[in-house]
Structures are given as C-alpha cells and as structure tokens.
Amino acid sequence: ALSAIGTRYVCLLNTTELKAIDPPSLKLASLDPSACSQETKNLLYQKA
C-alpha cells in the first residue's frame, strides 16, 4: 500500500492513517516526506 501511495501522495495521510502504518513496511517502501507538514515528518520519523 505504501509503495502505491508513494512520495506523491504520502503527504495526504492524516494522523490516524500515519499511526496505522506498520513500521517494518517502511523497509520495503520508498518514501520521501520532505514536502509534508512537520507533524507528518515527525510521525514518519518515529515509524522509520
């Protein structure tokens, strides 16, 4: 799912959706949240 969302749409994820991400899935997904809000960056960093 994260690979399908990709960098193009990762910034659309809300707080609930971000918290639902299973951390190990980030090992296989290529995401770049640099254009996202600070809250999104903070949550994705903790997952990563």
All heavy atoms as atom14 arrays in JSON, in Angstrom:
{
  "sequence": "ALSAIGTRYVCLLNTTELKAIDPPSLKLASLDPSACSQETKNLLYQKA",
  "atom14_mask": [
    [1, 1, 1, 1, 1, 0, 0, 0, 0, 0, 0, 0, 0, 0],
    [1, 1, 1, 1, 1, 1, 1, 1, 0, 0, 0, 0, 0, 0],
    [1, 1, 1, 1, 1, 1, 0, 0, 0, 0, 0, 0, 0, 0],
    [1, 1, 1, 1, 1, 0, 0, 0, 0, 0, 0, 0, 0, 0],
    [1, 1, 1, 1, 1, 1, 1, 1, 0, 0, 0, 0, 0, 0],
    [1, 1, 1, 1, 0, 0, 0, 0, 0, 0, 0, 0, 0, 0],
    [1, 1, 1, 1, 1, 1, 1, 0, 0, 0, 0, 0, 0, 0],
    [1, 1, 1, 1, 1, 1, 1, 1, 1, 1, 1, 0, 0, 0],
    [1, 1, 1, 1, 1, 1, 1, 1, 1, 1, 1, 1, 0, 0],
    [1, 1, 1, 1, 1, 1, 1, 0, 0, 0, 0, 0, 0, 0],
    [1, 1, 1, 1, 1, 1, 0, 0, 0, 0, 0, 0, 0, 0],
    [1, 1, 1, 1, 1, 1, 1, 1, 0, 0, 0, 0, 0, 0],
    [1, 1, 1, 1, 1, 1, 1, 1, 0, 0, 0, 0, 0, 0],
    [1, 1, 1, 1, 1, 1, 1, 1, 0, 0, 0, 0, 0, 0],
    [1, 1, 1, 1, 1, 1, 1, 0, 0, 0, 0, 0, 0, 0],
    [1, 1, 1, 1, 1, 1, 1, 0, 0, 0, 0, 0, 0, 0],
    [1, 1, 1, 1, 1, 1, 1, 1, 1, 0, 0, 0, 0, 0],
    [1, 1, 1, 1, 1, 1, 1, 1, 0, 0, 0, 0, 0, 0],
    [1, 1, 1, 1, 1, 1, 1, 1, 1, 0, 0, 0, 0, 0],
    [1, 1, 1, 1, 1, 0, 0, 0, 0, 0, 0, 0, 0, 0],
    [1, 1, 1, 1, 1, 1, 1, 1, 0, 0, 0, 0, 0, 0],
    [1, 1, 1, 1, 1, 1, 1, 1, 0, 0, 0, 0, 0, 0],
    [1, 1, 1, 1, 1, 1, 1, 0, 0, 0, 0, 0, 0, 0],
    [1, 1, 1, 1, 1, 1, 1, 0, 0, 0, 0, 0, 0, 0],
    [1, 1, 1, 1, 1, 1, 0, 0, 0, 0, 0, 0, 0, 0],
    [1, 1, 1, 1, 1, 1, 1, 1, 0, 0, 0, 0, 0, 0],
    [1, 1, 1, 1, 1, 1, 1, 1, 1, 0, 0, 0, 0, 0],
    [1, 1, 1, 1, 1, 1, 1, 1, 0, 0, 0, 0, 0, 0],
    [1, 1, 1, 1, 1, 0, 0, 0, 0, 0, 0, 0, 0, 0],
    [1, 1, 1, 1, 1, 1, 0, 0, 0, 0, 0, 0, 0, 0],
    [1, 1, 1, 1, 1, 1, 1, 1, 0, 0, 0, 0, 0, 0],
    [1, 1, 1, 1, 1, 1, 1, 1, 0, 0, 0, 0, 0, 0],
    [1, 1, 1, 1, 1, 1, 1, 0, 0, 0, 0, 0, 0, 0],
    [1, 1, 1, 1, 1, 1, 0, 0, 0, 0, 0, 0, 0, 0],
    [1, 1, 1, 1, 1, 0, 0, 0, 0, 0, 0, 0, 0, 0],
    [1, 1, 1, 1, 1, 1, 0, 0, 0, 0, 0, 0, 0, 0],
    [1, 1, 1, 1, 1, 1, 0, 0, 0, 0, 0, 0, 0, 0],
    [1, 1, 1, 1, 1, 1, 1, 1, 1, 0, 0, 0, 0, 0],
    [1, 1, 1, 1, 1, 1, 1, 1, 1, 0, 0, 0, 0, 0],
    [1, 1, 1, 1, 1, 1, 1, 0, 0, 0, 0, 0, 0, 0],
    [1, 1, 1, 1, 1, 1, 1, 1, 1, 0, 0, 0, 0, 0],
    [1, 1, 1, 1, 1, 1, 1, 1, 0, 0, 0, 0, 0, 0],
    [1, 1, 1, 1, 1, 1, 1, 1, 0, 0, 0, 0, 0, 0],
    [1, 1, 1, 1, 1, 1, 1, 1, 0, 0, 0, 0, 0, 0],
    [1, 1, 1, 1, 1, 1, 1, 1, 1, 1, 1, 1, 0, 0],
    [1, 1, 1, 1, 1, 1, 1, 1, 1, 0, 0, 0, 0, 0],
    [1, 1, 1, 1, 1, 1, 1, 1, 1, 0, 0, 0, 0, 0],
    [1, 1, 1, 1, 1, 0, 0, 0, 0, 0, 0, 0, 0, 0]
  ],
  "atom14_positions": [
    [[0.83, -1.21, 0.0], [0.0, 0.0, 0.0], [0.86, 1.26, 0.0], [0.58, 2.22, -0.73], [-0.93, -0.01, 1.21], [0.0, 0.0, 0.0], [0.0, 0.0, 0.0], [0.0, 0.0, 0.0], [0.0, 0.0, 0.0], [0.0, 0.0, 0.0], [0.0, 0.0, 0.0], [0.0, 0.0, 0.0], [0.0, 0.0, 0.0], [0.0, 0.0, 0.0]],
    [[1.93, 1.25, 0.79], [2.8, 2.43, 0.86], [3.52, 2.66, -0.46], [3.75, 3.8, -0.86], [3.8, 2.27, 2.0], [3.22, 2.35, 3.42], [4.31, 2.12, 4.45], [2.54, 3.7, 3.65], [0.0, 0.0, 0.0], [0.0, 0.0, 0.0], [0.0, 0.0, 0.0], [0.0, 0.0, 0.0], [0.0, 0.0, 0.0], [0.0, 0.0, 0.0]],
    [[3.89, 1.59, -1.12], [4.55, 1.73, -2.42], [3.59, 2.33, -3.44], [3.99, 3.11, -4.31], [5.05, 0.36, -2.9], [6.07, -0.12, -2.05], [0.0, 0.0, 0.0], [0.0, 0.0, 0.0], [0.0, 0.0, 0.0], [0.0, 0.0, 0.0], [0.0, 0.0, 0.0], [0.0, 0.0, 0.0], [0.0, 0.0, 0.0], [0.0, 0.0, 0.0]],
    [[2.31, 1.96, -3.33], [1.3, 2.5, -4.24], [1.06, 3.98, -3.94], [0.89, 4.81, -4.85], [0.01, 1.71, -4.12], [0.0, 0.0, 0.0], [0.0, 0.0, 0.0], [0.0, 0.0, 0.0], [0.0, 0.0, 0.0], [0.0, 0.0, 0.0], [0.0, 0.0, 0.0], [0.0, 0.0, 0.0], [0.0, 0.0, 0.0], [0.0, 0.0, 0.0]],
    [[1.05, 4.32, -2.65], [0.86, 5.72, -2.25], [2.06, 6.55, -2.68], [1.92, 7.61, -3.28], [0.65, 5.81, -0.72], [-0.7, 5.19, -0.35], [0.75, 7.25, -0.24], [-0.9, 5.03, 1.14], [0.0, 0.0, 0.0], [0.0, 0.0, 0.0], [0.0, 0.0, 0.0], [0.0, 0.0, 0.0], [0.0, 0.0, 0.0], [0.0, 0.0, 0.0]],
    [[3.25, 6.02, -2.37], [4.49, 6.64, -2.8], [4.69, 8.07, -2.28], [3.88, 8.59, -1.51], [0.0, 0.0, 0.0], [0.0, 0.0, 0.0], [0.0, 0.0, 0.0], [0.0, 0.0, 0.0], [0.0, 0.0, 0.0], [0.0, 0.0, 0.0], [0.0, 0.0, 0.0], [0.0, 0.0, 0.0], [0.0, 0.0, 0.0], [0.0, 0.0, 0.0]],
    [[5.76, 8.67, -2.72], [6.09, 10.03, -2.3], [5.04, 11.04, -2.78], [4.76, 12.03, -2.1], [7.47, 10.42, -2.85], [8.46, 9.59, -2.24], [7.79, 11.88, -2.56], [0.0, 0.0, 0.0], [0.0, 0.0, 0.0], [0.0, 0.0, 0.0], [0.0, 0.0, 0.0], [0.0, 0.0, 0.0], [0.0, 0.0, 0.0], [0.0, 0.0, 0.0]],
    [[4.41, 10.74, -3.9], [3.44, 11.67, -4.48], [2.26, 11.94, -3.55], [1.75, 13.06, -3.47], [2.96, 11.14, -5.82], [2.03, 12.1, -6.55], [1.64, 11.56, -7.92], [0.78, 12.49, -8.65], [0.29, 12.24, -9.86], [0.58, 11.1, -10.48], [-0.49, 13.12, -10.45], [0.0, 0.0, 0.0], [0.0, 0.0, 0.0], [0.0, 0.0, 0.0]],
    [[1.82, 10.89, -2.83], [0.61, 11.04, -2.02], [0.82, 10.84, -0.53], [-0.13, 10.92, 0.24], [-0.46, 10.04, -2.51], [-0.89, 10.25, -3.94], [-0.71, 9.26, -4.9], [-1.47, 11.46, -4.35], [-1.1, 9.44, -6.21], [-1.86, 11.66, -5.66], [-1.68, 10.65, -6.6], [-2.06, 10.86, -7.9], [0.0, 0.0, 0.0], [0.0, 0.0, 0.0]],
    [[2.06, 10.6, -0.11], [2.29, 10.31, 1.31], [1.88, 11.48, 2.2], [1.45, 11.29, 3.35], [3.77, 9.93, 1.55], [4.7, 11.13, 1.32], [3.95, 9.39, 2.96], [0.0, 0.0, 0.0], [0.0, 0.0, 0.0], [0.0, 0.0, 0.0], [0.0, 0.0, 0.0], [0.0, 0.0, 0.0], [0.0, 0.0, 0.0], [0.0, 0.0, 0.0]],
    [[1.96, 12.69, 1.68], [1.6, 13.87, 2.48], [0.1, 13.98, 2.71], [-0.35, 14.81, 3.52], [2.12, 15.14, 1.82], [3.92, 15.21, 1.67], [0.0, 0.0, 0.0], [0.0, 0.0, 0.0], [0.0, 0.0, 0.0], [0.0, 0.0, 0.0], [0.0, 0.0, 0.0], [0.0, 0.0, 0.0], [0.0, 0.0, 0.0], [0.0, 0.0, 0.0]],
    [[-0.69, 13.17, 2.0], [-2.14, 13.21, 2.17], [-2.59, 12.38, 3.37], [-3.74, 12.5, 3.8], [-2.83, 12.67, 0.91], [-2.63, 13.47, -0.38], [-3.33, 12.78, -1.54], [-3.15, 14.89, -0.22], [0.0, 0.0, 0.0], [0.0, 0.0, 0.0], [0.0, 0.0, 0.0], [0.0, 0.0, 0.0], [0.0, 0.0, 0.0], [0.0, 0.0, 0.0]],
    [[-1.72, 11.55, 3.9], [-2.1, 10.69, 5.02], [-2.36, 11.55, 6.25], [-1.57, 12.43, 6.6], [-0.99, 9.69, 5.32], [-0.66, 8.68, 4.21], [0.52, 7.8, 4.63], [-1.87, 7.82, 3.89], [0.0, 0.0, 0.0], [0.0, 0.0, 0.0], [0.0, 0.0, 0.0], [0.0, 0.0, 0.0], [0.0, 0.0, 0.0], [0.0, 0.0, 0.0]],
    [[-3.48, 11.29, 6.92], [-3.77, 12.03, 8.14], [-3.12, 11.35, 9.34], [-2.51, 10.28, 9.2], [-5.29, 12.2, 8.34], [-6.01, 10.86, 8.45], [-5.5, 9.91, 9.04], [-7.23, 10.8, 7.9], [0.0, 0.0, 0.0], [0.0, 0.0, 0.0], [0.0, 0.0, 0.0], [0.0, 0.0, 0.0], [0.0, 0.0, 0.0], [0.0, 0.0, 0.0]],
    [[-3.27, 11.93, 10.51], [-2.6, 11.42, 11.7], [-3.0, 9.99, 12.01], [-2.15, 9.14, 12.33], [-2.93, 12.31, 12.92], [-2.49, 13.65, 12.64], [-2.23, 11.81, 14.16], [0.0, 0.0, 0.0], [0.0, 0.0, 0.0], [0.0, 0.0, 0.0], [0.0, 0.0, 0.0], [0.0, 0.0, 0.0], [0.0, 0.0, 0.0], [0.0, 0.0, 0.0]],
    [[-4.3, 9.68, 11.9], [-4.78, 8.32, 12.18], [-4.17, 7.31, 11.23], [-3.74, 6.22, 11.63], [-6.31, 8.27, 12.08], [-6.89, 9.2, 13.01], [-6.83, 6.87, 12.38], [0.0, 0.0, 0.0], [0.0, 0.0, 0.0], [0.0, 0.0, 0.0], [0.0, 0.0, 0.0], [0.0, 0.0, 0.0], [0.0, 0.0, 0.0], [0.0, 0.0, 0.0]],
    [[-4.1, 7.67, 9.95], [-3.54, 6.78, 8.94], [-2.04, 6.59, 9.14], [-1.52, 5.47, 8.98], [-3.84, 7.33, 7.54], [-5.33, 7.28, 7.2], [-5.72, 8.23, 6.07], [-4.86, 9.03, 5.63], [-6.89, 8.18, 5.65], [0.0, 0.0, 0.0], [0.0, 0.0, 0.0], [0.0, 0.0, 0.0], [0.0, 0.0, 0.0], [0.0, 0.0, 0.0]],
    [[-1.36, 7.66, 9.49], [0.09, 7.57, 9.73], [0.39, 6.66, 10.92], [1.32, 5.85, 10.88], [0.67, 8.96, 9.99], [0.76, 9.9, 8.79], [1.03, 11.32, 9.24], [1.84, 9.43, 7.82], [0.0, 0.0, 0.0], [0.0, 0.0, 0.0], [0.0, 0.0, 0.0], [0.0, 0.0, 0.0], [0.0, 0.0, 0.0], [0.0, 0.0, 0.0]],
    [[-0.41, 6.79, 11.96], [-0.2, 5.95, 13.15], [-0.52, 4.49, 12.87], [-0.04, 3.59, 13.58], [-1.05, 6.47, 14.31], [-0.57, 7.81, 14.85], [-1.41, 8.27, 16.03], [-0.87, 9.57, 16.61], [-1.69, 10.07, 17.75], [0.0, 0.0, 0.0], [0.0, 0.0, 0.0], [0.0, 0.0, 0.0], [0.0, 0.0, 0.0], [0.0, 0.0, 0.0]],
    [[-1.31, 4.23, 11.83], [-1.68, 2.85, 11.49], [-0.62, 2.14, 10.66], [-0.72, 0.94, 10.42], [-3.01, 2.86, 10.74], [0.0, 0.0, 0.0], [0.0, 0.0, 0.0], [0.0, 0.0, 0.0], [0.0, 0.0, 0.0], [0.0, 0.0, 0.0], [0.0, 0.0, 0.0], [0.0, 0.0, 0.0], [0.0, 0.0, 0.0], [0.0, 0.0, 0.0]],
    [[0.4, 2.87, 10.22], [1.46, 2.25, 9.41], [2.24, 1.24, 10.24], [2.65, 1.52, 11.37], [2.43, 3.32, 8.86], [1.7, 4.21, 7.85], [3.65, 2.68, 8.22], [2.55, 5.36, 7.34], [0.0, 0.0, 0.0], [0.0, 0.0, 0.0], [0.0, 0.0, 0.0], [0.0, 0.0, 0.0], [0.0, 0.0, 0.0], [0.0, 0.0, 0.0]],
    [[2.44, 0.08, 9.7], [3.25, -0.93, 10.36], [4.73, -0.6, 10.09], [5.15, -0.64, 8.93], [2.91, -2.32, 9.81], [3.63, -3.43, 10.54], [3.94, -3.25, 11.74], [3.91, -4.47, 9.91], [0.0, 0.0, 0.0], [0.0, 0.0, 0.0], [0.0, 0.0, 0.0], [0.0, 0.0, 0.0], [0.0, 0.0, 0.0], [0.0, 0.0, 0.0]],
    [[5.51, -0.25, 11.1], [6.89, 0.2, 10.88], [7.73, -0.67, 9.93], [8.4, -0.12, 9.05], [7.48, 0.22, 12.3], [6.32, 0.54, 13.15], [5.16, -0.2, 12.53], [0.0, 0.0, 0.0], [0.0, 0.0, 0.0], [0.0, 0.0, 0.0], [0.0, 0.0, 0.0], [0.0, 0.0, 0.0], [0.0, 0.0, 0.0], [0.0, 0.0, 0.0]],
    [[7.71, -2.0, 10.06], [8.54, -2.81, 9.16], [8.23, -2.61, 7.68], [9.1, -2.85, 6.82], [8.23, -4.25, 9.59], [7.85, -4.12, 11.04], [7.07, -2.83, 11.1], [0.0, 0.0, 0.0], [0.0, 0.0, 0.0], [0.0, 0.0, 0.0], [0.0, 0.0, 0.0], [0.0, 0.0, 0.0], [0.0, 0.0, 0.0], [0.0, 0.0, 0.0]],
    [[7.03, -2.13, 7.37], [6.67, -1.94, 5.96], [7.5, -0.82, 5.33], [7.66, -0.78, 4.1], [5.18, -1.62, 5.84], [4.87, -0.39, 6.48], [0.0, 0.0, 0.0], [0.0, 0.0, 0.0], [0.0, 0.0, 0.0], [0.0, 0.0, 0.0], [0.0, 0.0, 0.0], [0.0, 0.0, 0.0], [0.0, 0.0, 0.0], [0.0, 0.0, 0.0]],
    [[8.06, 0.06, 6.14], [8.89, 1.14, 5.59], [10.2, 0.61, 5.01], [10.86, 1.3, 4.24], [9.18, 2.18, 6.67], [8.0, 3.04, 7.12], [8.42, 4.0, 8.22], [7.41, 3.83, 5.95], [0.0, 0.0, 0.0], [0.0, 0.0, 0.0], [0.0, 0.0, 0.0], [0.0, 0.0, 0.0], [0.0, 0.0, 0.0], [0.0, 0.0, 0.0]],
    [[10.56, -0.6, 5.4], [11.79, -1.19, 4.86], [11.67, -1.48, 3.37], [12.66, -1.51, 2.65], [12.13, -2.49, 5.6], [12.56, -2.29, 7.05], [12.94, -3.62, 7.68], [13.47, -3.44, 9.09], [13.88, -4.73, 9.7], [0.0, 0.0, 0.0], [0.0, 0.0, 0.0], [0.0, 0.0, 0.0], [0.0, 0.0, 0.0], [0.0, 0.0, 0.0]],
    [[10.44, -1.69, 2.92], [10.23, -2.07, 1.52], [9.6, -0.96, 0.69], [9.4, -1.11, -0.5], [9.33, -3.33, 1.45], [9.87, -4.57, 2.18], [8.85, -5.69, 2.14], [11.18, -5.01, 1.54], [0.0, 0.0, 0.0], [0.0, 0.0, 0.0], [0.0, 0.0, 0.0], [0.0, 0.0, 0.0], [0.0, 0.0, 0.0], [0.0, 0.0, 0.0]],
    [[9.26, 0.14, 1.35], [8.63, 1.26, 0.64], [9.64, 2.4, 0.48], [10.44, 2.66, 1.38], [7.41, 1.74, 1.39], [0.0, 0.0, 0.0], [0.0, 0.0, 0.0], [0.0, 0.0, 0.0], [0.0, 0.0, 0.0], [0.0, 0.0, 0.0], [0.0, 0.0, 0.0], [0.0, 0.0, 0.0], [0.0, 0.0, 0.0], [0.0, 0.0, 0.0]],
    [[9.58, 3.07, -0.65], [10.48, 4.2, -0.89], [9.67, 5.49, -0.79], [8.92, 5.84, -1.7], [11.1, 4.07, -2.29], [11.94, 5.17, -2.55], [0.0, 0.0, 0.0], [0.0, 0.0, 0.0], [0.0, 0.0, 0.0], [0.0, 0.0, 0.0], [0.0, 0.0, 0.0], [0.0, 0.0, 0.0], [0.0, 0.0, 0.0], [0.0, 0.0, 0.0]],
    [[9.82, 6.17, 0.35], [9.07, 7.4, 0.6], [10.0, 8.57, 0.84], [11.09, 8.4, 1.37], [8.15, 7.22, 1.82], [7.11, 6.1, 1.76], [6.35, 6.02, 3.07], [6.14, 6.31, 0.6], [0.0, 0.0, 0.0], [0.0, 0.0, 0.0], [0.0, 0.0, 0.0], [0.0, 0.0, 0.0], [0.0, 0.0, 0.0], [0.0, 0.0, 0.0]],
    [[9.53, 9.76, 0.48], [10.27, 10.99, 0.75], [9.28, 12.02, 1.27], [8.58, 12.68, 0.49], [10.95, 11.51, -0.52], [11.71, 12.81, -0.28], [11.79, 13.25, 0.9], [12.21, 13.4, -1.25], [0.0, 0.0, 0.0], [0.0, 0.0, 0.0], [0.0, 0.0, 0.0], [0.0, 0.0, 0.0], [0.0, 0.0, 0.0], [0.0, 0.0, 0.0]],
    [[9.2, 12.19, 2.59], [8.21, 13.1, 3.17], [8.7, 14.55, 3.31], [8.13, 15.33, 4.06], [7.97, 12.49, 4.55], [9.28, 11.88, 4.91], [9.89, 11.4, 3.62], [0.0, 0.0, 0.0], [0.0, 0.0, 0.0], [0.0, 0.0, 0.0], [0.0, 0.0, 0.0], [0.0, 0.0, 0.0], [0.0, 0.0, 0.0], [0.0, 0.0, 0.0]],
    [[9.75, 14.92, 2.6], [10.35, 16.25, 2.76], [9.39, 17.39, 2.46], [9.56, 18.5, 2.96], [11.6, 16.38, 1.88], [11.28, 16.19, 0.51], [0.0, 0.0, 0.0], [0.0, 0.0, 0.0], [0.0, 0.0, 0.0], [0.0, 0.0, 0.0], [0.0, 0.0, 0.0], [0.0, 0.0, 0.0], [0.0, 0.0, 0.0], [0.0, 0.0, 0.0]],
    [[8.37, 17.13, 1.62], [7.41, 18.18, 1.27], [6.19, 18.17, 2.17], [5.28, 18.99, 1.99], [6.98, 18.02, -0.19], [0.0, 0.0, 0.0], [0.0, 0.0, 0.0], [0.0, 0.0, 0.0], [0.0, 0.0, 0.0], [0.0, 0.0, 0.0], [0.0, 0.0, 0.0], [0.0, 0.0, 0.0], [0.0, 0.0, 0.0], [0.0, 0.0, 0.0]],
    [[6.16, 17.29, 3.15], [4.99, 17.14, 4.02], [5.02, 18.13, 5.18], [6.01, 18.82, 5.41], [4.92, 15.72, 4.56], [4.78, 14.44, 3.29], [0.0, 0.0, 0.0], [0.0, 0.0, 0.0], [0.0, 0.0, 0.0], [0.0, 0.0, 0.0], [0.0, 0.0, 0.0], [0.0, 0.0, 0.0], [0.0, 0.0, 0.0], [0.0, 0.0, 0.0]],
    [[3.93, 18.16, 5.94], [3.86, 19.0, 7.13], [4.84, 18.47, 8.17], [5.25, 17.3, 8.13], [2.44, 18.98, 7.7], [2.15, 17.69, 8.23], [0.0, 0.0, 0.0], [0.0, 0.0, 0.0], [0.0, 0.0, 0.0], [0.0, 0.0, 0.0], [0.0, 0.0, 0.0], [0.0, 0.0, 0.0], [0.0, 0.0, 0.0], [0.0, 0.0, 0.0]],
    [[5.18, 19.33, 9.15], [6.11, 18.91, 10.18], [5.54, 17.77, 11.0], [6.27, 16.86, 11.42], [6.45, 20.09, 11.1], [7.61, 19.82, 12.05], [8.88, 19.43, 11.31], [9.38, 20.2, 10.5], [9.41, 18.25, 11.58], [0.0, 0.0, 0.0], [0.0, 0.0, 0.0], [0.0, 0.0, 0.0], [0.0, 0.0, 0.0], [0.0, 0.0, 0.0]],
    [[4.26, 17.77, 11.24], [3.64, 16.69, 12.0], [3.79, 15.36, 11.28], [4.11, 14.34, 11.9], [2.15, 16.99, 12.24], [1.46, 15.91, 13.08], [-0.02, 16.19, 13.28], [-0.56, 17.08, 12.59], [-0.64, 15.51, 14.12], [0.0, 0.0, 0.0], [0.0, 0.0, 0.0], [0.0, 0.0, 0.0], [0.0, 0.0, 0.0], [0.0, 0.0, 0.0]],
    [[3.6, 15.36, 9.96], [3.75, 14.14, 9.17], [5.2, 13.66, 9.21], [5.48, 12.47, 9.37], [3.33, 14.38, 7.71], [1.93, 14.68, 7.67], [3.61, 13.16, 6.85], [0.0, 0.0, 0.0], [0.0, 0.0, 0.0], [0.0, 0.0, 0.0], [0.0, 0.0, 0.0], [0.0, 0.0, 0.0], [0.0, 0.0, 0.0], [0.0, 0.0, 0.0]],
    [[6.14, 14.59, 9.09], [7.56, 14.24, 9.15], [7.9, 13.61, 10.51], [8.63, 12.62, 10.58], [8.43, 15.47, 8.93], [8.38, 16.04, 7.53], [9.23, 17.3, 7.45], [9.14, 17.96, 6.09], [9.94, 19.21, 6.04], [0.0, 0.0, 0.0], [0.0, 0.0, 0.0], [0.0, 0.0, 0.0], [0.0, 0.0, 0.0], [0.0, 0.0, 0.0]],
    [[7.36, 14.21, 11.58], [7.65, 13.7, 12.92], [7.15, 12.28, 13.11], [7.85, 11.41, 13.64], [7.01, 14.62, 13.98], [7.61, 16.01, 13.98], [8.64, 16.27, 13.37], [6.96, 16.93, 14.68], [0.0, 0.0, 0.0], [0.0, 0.0, 0.0], [0.0, 0.0, 0.0], [0.0, 0.0, 0.0], [0.0, 0.0, 0.0], [0.0, 0.0, 0.0]],
    [[5.92, 12.03, 12.65], [5.32, 10.7, 12.82], [6.03, 9.65, 11.97], [6.29, 8.54, 12.42], [3.83, 10.76, 12.46], [2.94, 11.5, 13.46], [1.54, 11.69, 12.89], [2.88, 10.74, 14.79], [0.0, 0.0, 0.0], [0.0, 0.0, 0.0], [0.0, 0.0, 0.0], [0.0, 0.0, 0.0], [0.0, 0.0, 0.0], [0.0, 0.0, 0.0]],
    [[6.37, 10.02, 10.73], [7.06, 9.06, 9.87], [8.47, 8.77, 10.36], [8.97, 7.65, 10.24], [7.1, 9.58, 8.43], [5.81, 9.41, 7.63], [5.93, 10.07, 6.26], [5.47, 7.93, 7.47], [0.0, 0.0, 0.0], [0.0, 0.0, 0.0], [0.0, 0.0, 0.0], [0.0, 0.0, 0.0], [0.0, 0.0, 0.0], [0.0, 0.0, 0.0]],
    [[9.11, 9.79, 10.95], [10.44, 9.54, 11.51], [10.38, 8.51, 12.63], [11.22, 7.6, 12.69], [11.08, 10.83, 12.04], [12.38, 10.55, 12.77], [13.55, 10.3, 12.04], [12.42, 10.44, 14.15], [14.72, 9.97, 12.7], [13.59, 10.13, 14.81], [14.73, 9.88, 14.09], [15.9, 9.55, 14.74], [0.0, 0.0, 0.0], [0.0, 0.0, 0.0]],
    [[9.41, 8.65, 13.51], [9.28, 7.7, 14.61], [9.02, 6.29, 14.09], [9.55, 5.31, 14.63], [8.15, 8.13, 15.55], [8.42, 9.44, 16.3], [9.69, 9.37, 17.14], [10.06, 8.31, 17.68], [10.39, 10.49, 17.24], [0.0, 0.0, 0.0], [0.0, 0.0, 0.0], [0.0, 0.0, 0.0], [0.0, 0.0, 0.0], [0.0, 0.0, 0.0]],
    [[8.22, 6.17, 13.04], [7.97, 4.86, 12.43], [9.25, 4.3, 11.81], [9.57, 3.12, 11.95], [6.89, 4.99, 11.35], [5.52, 5.35, 11.86], [4.85, 4.17, 12.56], [3.45, 4.51, 13.0], [2.76, 3.37, 13.64], [0.0, 0.0, 0.0], [0.0, 0.0, 0.0], [0.0, 0.0, 0.0], [0.0, 0.0, 0.0], [0.0, 0.0, 0.0]],
    [[9.99, 5.16, 11.1], [11.23, 4.72, 10.45], [12.28, 4.33, 11.47], [13.04, 3.37, 11.28], [11.75, 5.83, 9.54], [0.0, 0.0, 0.0], [0.0, 0.0, 0.0], [0.0, 0.0, 0.0], [0.0, 0.0, 0.0], [0.0, 0.0, 0.0], [0.0, 0.0, 0.0], [0.0, 0.0, 0.0], [0.0, 0.0, 0.0], [0.0, 0.0, 0.0]]
  ]
}
